[in-house]
């Protein structure tokens, strides 16, 4: 995971569930734009920075 964070830490920081983050990470779920925004803000990035290279 980017920045060396683990799923429980990102879940706590973002307010998203750890299982949901795992599902996103493993391609079992697709993120909505609002989820992408929450994750980008958690990493202190803009959405375009977060999505770079996708």
N, C-alpha and C. Protein backbone atom coordinates (compact mmCIF):
# COMPACT_ATOMS: atom_id res chain seq x y z
N UNK A 1 0.85 -1.17 0.00
CA UNK A 1 0.00 0.00 0.00
C UNK A 1 0.89 1.23 0.00
N UNK A 2 0.50 2.24 -0.73
CA UNK A 2 1.28 3.46 -0.83
C UNK A 2 1.56 4.04 0.56
N UNK A 3 2.70 4.69 0.71
CA UNK A 3 3.13 5.34 1.94
C UNK A 3 3.41 4.34 3.06
N UNK A 4 3.37 3.06 2.78
CA UNK A 4 3.63 2.06 3.81
C UNK A 4 2.49 1.88 4.81
N UNK A 5 1.34 2.42 4.48
CA UNK A 5 0.18 2.30 5.37
C UNK A 5 -0.44 0.92 5.22
N UNK A 6 -1.07 0.45 6.27
CA UNK A 6 -1.80 -0.80 6.17
C UNK A 6 -3.30 -0.51 6.02
N UNK A 7 -4.06 -1.52 5.70
CA UNK A 7 -5.49 -1.34 5.46
C UNK A 7 -6.23 -0.81 6.69
N UNK A 8 -5.97 -1.33 7.89
CA UNK A 8 -6.68 -0.78 9.05
C UNK A 8 -6.41 0.70 9.26
N UNK A 9 -5.18 1.14 9.03
CA UNK A 9 -4.86 2.56 9.19
C UNK A 9 -5.59 3.40 8.15
N UNK A 10 -5.57 2.97 6.90
CA UNK A 10 -6.28 3.71 5.85
C UNK A 10 -7.78 3.71 6.12
N UNK A 11 -8.31 2.62 6.60
CA UNK A 11 -9.74 2.56 6.93
C UNK A 11 -10.08 3.58 8.01
N UNK A 12 -9.25 3.65 9.03
CA UNK A 12 -9.49 4.61 10.11
C UNK A 12 -9.38 6.04 9.60
N UNK A 13 -8.37 6.31 8.80
CA UNK A 13 -8.13 7.65 8.29
C UNK A 13 -9.22 8.11 7.33
N UNK A 14 -9.68 7.20 6.48
CA UNK A 14 -10.64 7.56 5.43
C UNK A 14 -12.10 7.42 5.85
N UNK A 15 -12.35 6.59 6.87
CA UNK A 15 -13.73 6.31 7.25
C UNK A 15 -14.36 5.20 6.43
N UNK A 16 -13.57 4.57 5.56
CA UNK A 16 -14.04 3.44 4.76
C UNK A 16 -13.76 2.16 5.54
N UNK A 17 -14.49 1.12 5.25
CA UNK A 17 -14.27 -0.16 5.92
C UNK A 17 -13.01 -0.86 5.43
N UNK A 18 -12.34 -1.56 6.33
CA UNK A 18 -11.12 -2.27 5.94
C UNK A 18 -11.40 -3.35 4.90
N UNK A 19 -12.51 -4.05 5.04
CA UNK A 19 -12.86 -5.08 4.07
C UNK A 19 -13.11 -4.45 2.70
N UNK A 20 -13.79 -3.31 2.68
CA UNK A 20 -14.05 -2.60 1.42
C UNK A 20 -12.73 -2.17 0.77
N UNK A 21 -11.80 -1.65 1.56
CA UNK A 21 -10.49 -1.26 1.03
C UNK A 21 -9.78 -2.47 0.45
N UNK A 22 -9.85 -3.60 1.14
CA UNK A 22 -9.25 -4.84 0.64
C UNK A 22 -9.87 -5.24 -0.70
N UNK A 23 -11.19 -5.14 -0.78
CA UNK A 23 -11.88 -5.49 -2.03
C UNK A 23 -11.47 -4.56 -3.17
N UNK A 24 -11.31 -3.28 -2.88
CA UNK A 24 -10.84 -2.33 -3.90
C UNK A 24 -9.43 -2.71 -4.36
N UNK A 25 -8.58 -2.95 -3.38
CA UNK A 25 -7.18 -3.26 -3.66
C UNK A 25 -7.03 -4.54 -4.49
N UNK A 26 -7.92 -5.49 -4.28
CA UNK A 26 -7.84 -6.76 -4.99
C UNK A 26 -8.73 -6.84 -6.22
N UNK A 27 -9.35 -5.72 -6.60
CA UNK A 27 -10.15 -5.67 -7.82
C UNK A 27 -11.51 -6.32 -7.73
N UNK A 28 -11.98 -6.60 -6.52
CA UNK A 28 -13.30 -7.22 -6.36
C UNK A 28 -14.42 -6.19 -6.30
N UNK A 29 -14.05 -4.93 -6.07
CA UNK A 29 -15.02 -3.82 -6.07
C UNK A 29 -14.45 -2.71 -6.93
N UNK A 30 -15.35 -1.89 -7.46
CA UNK A 30 -14.95 -0.70 -8.21
C UNK A 30 -15.29 0.52 -7.38
N UNK A 31 -14.40 1.48 -7.36
CA UNK A 31 -14.60 2.68 -6.55
C UNK A 31 -15.44 3.70 -7.29
N UNK A 32 -16.35 4.31 -6.56
CA UNK A 32 -17.13 5.43 -7.10
C UNK A 32 -16.24 6.68 -7.07
N UNK A 33 -16.66 7.71 -7.75
CA UNK A 33 -15.88 8.96 -7.74
C UNK A 33 -15.80 9.53 -6.33
N UNK A 34 -16.84 9.37 -5.53
CA UNK A 34 -16.78 9.88 -4.16
C UNK A 34 -15.78 9.08 -3.32
N UNK A 35 -15.68 7.78 -3.55
CA UNK A 35 -14.68 6.97 -2.85
C UNK A 35 -13.28 7.36 -3.28
N UNK A 36 -13.10 7.60 -4.57
CA UNK A 36 -11.81 8.04 -5.09
C UNK A 36 -11.41 9.37 -4.44
N UNK A 37 -12.39 10.27 -4.30
CA UNK A 37 -12.12 11.56 -3.67
C UNK A 37 -11.71 11.37 -2.20
N UNK A 38 -12.41 10.52 -1.48
CA UNK A 38 -12.08 10.25 -0.07
C UNK A 38 -10.67 9.68 0.04
N UNK A 39 -10.33 8.73 -0.82
CA UNK A 39 -9.00 8.13 -0.78
C UNK A 39 -7.92 9.15 -1.14
N UNK A 40 -8.17 9.94 -2.17
CA UNK A 40 -7.20 10.97 -2.56
C UNK A 40 -6.96 11.94 -1.42
N UNK A 41 -8.01 12.39 -0.78
CA UNK A 41 -7.87 13.31 0.36
C UNK A 41 -7.13 12.65 1.51
N UNK A 42 -7.36 11.36 1.72
CA UNK A 42 -6.65 10.64 2.78
C UNK A 42 -5.15 10.63 2.54
N UNK A 43 -4.77 10.54 1.26
CA UNK A 43 -3.36 10.56 0.89
C UNK A 43 -2.84 11.97 0.67
N UNK A 44 -3.69 12.98 0.94
CA UNK A 44 -3.34 14.39 0.74
C UNK A 44 -2.92 14.66 -0.70
N UNK A 45 -3.76 14.16 -1.63
CA UNK A 45 -3.52 14.32 -3.06
C UNK A 45 -4.78 14.83 -3.72
N UNK A 46 -4.60 15.43 -4.91
CA UNK A 46 -5.76 15.74 -5.73
C UNK A 46 -6.22 14.44 -6.40
N UNK A 47 -7.44 14.46 -6.91
CA UNK A 47 -7.92 13.27 -7.60
C UNK A 47 -7.05 12.97 -8.81
N UNK A 48 -6.62 14.01 -9.54
CA UNK A 48 -5.79 13.76 -10.72
C UNK A 48 -4.44 13.16 -10.33
N UNK A 49 -3.84 13.61 -9.22
CA UNK A 49 -2.59 13.00 -8.76
C UNK A 49 -2.83 11.54 -8.36
N UNK A 50 -3.93 11.29 -7.65
CA UNK A 50 -4.25 9.96 -7.18
C UNK A 50 -4.46 8.99 -8.34
N UNK A 51 -5.08 9.48 -9.41
CA UNK A 51 -5.44 8.63 -10.55
C UNK A 51 -4.34 8.58 -11.63
N UNK A 52 -3.26 9.31 -11.43
CA UNK A 52 -2.19 9.35 -12.42
C UNK A 52 -1.67 7.93 -12.70
N UNK A 53 -1.61 7.59 -13.97
CA UNK A 53 -1.11 6.29 -14.38
C UNK A 53 -2.15 5.19 -14.42
N UNK A 54 -3.40 5.53 -14.12
CA UNK A 54 -4.46 4.52 -14.14
C UNK A 54 -5.01 4.41 -15.53
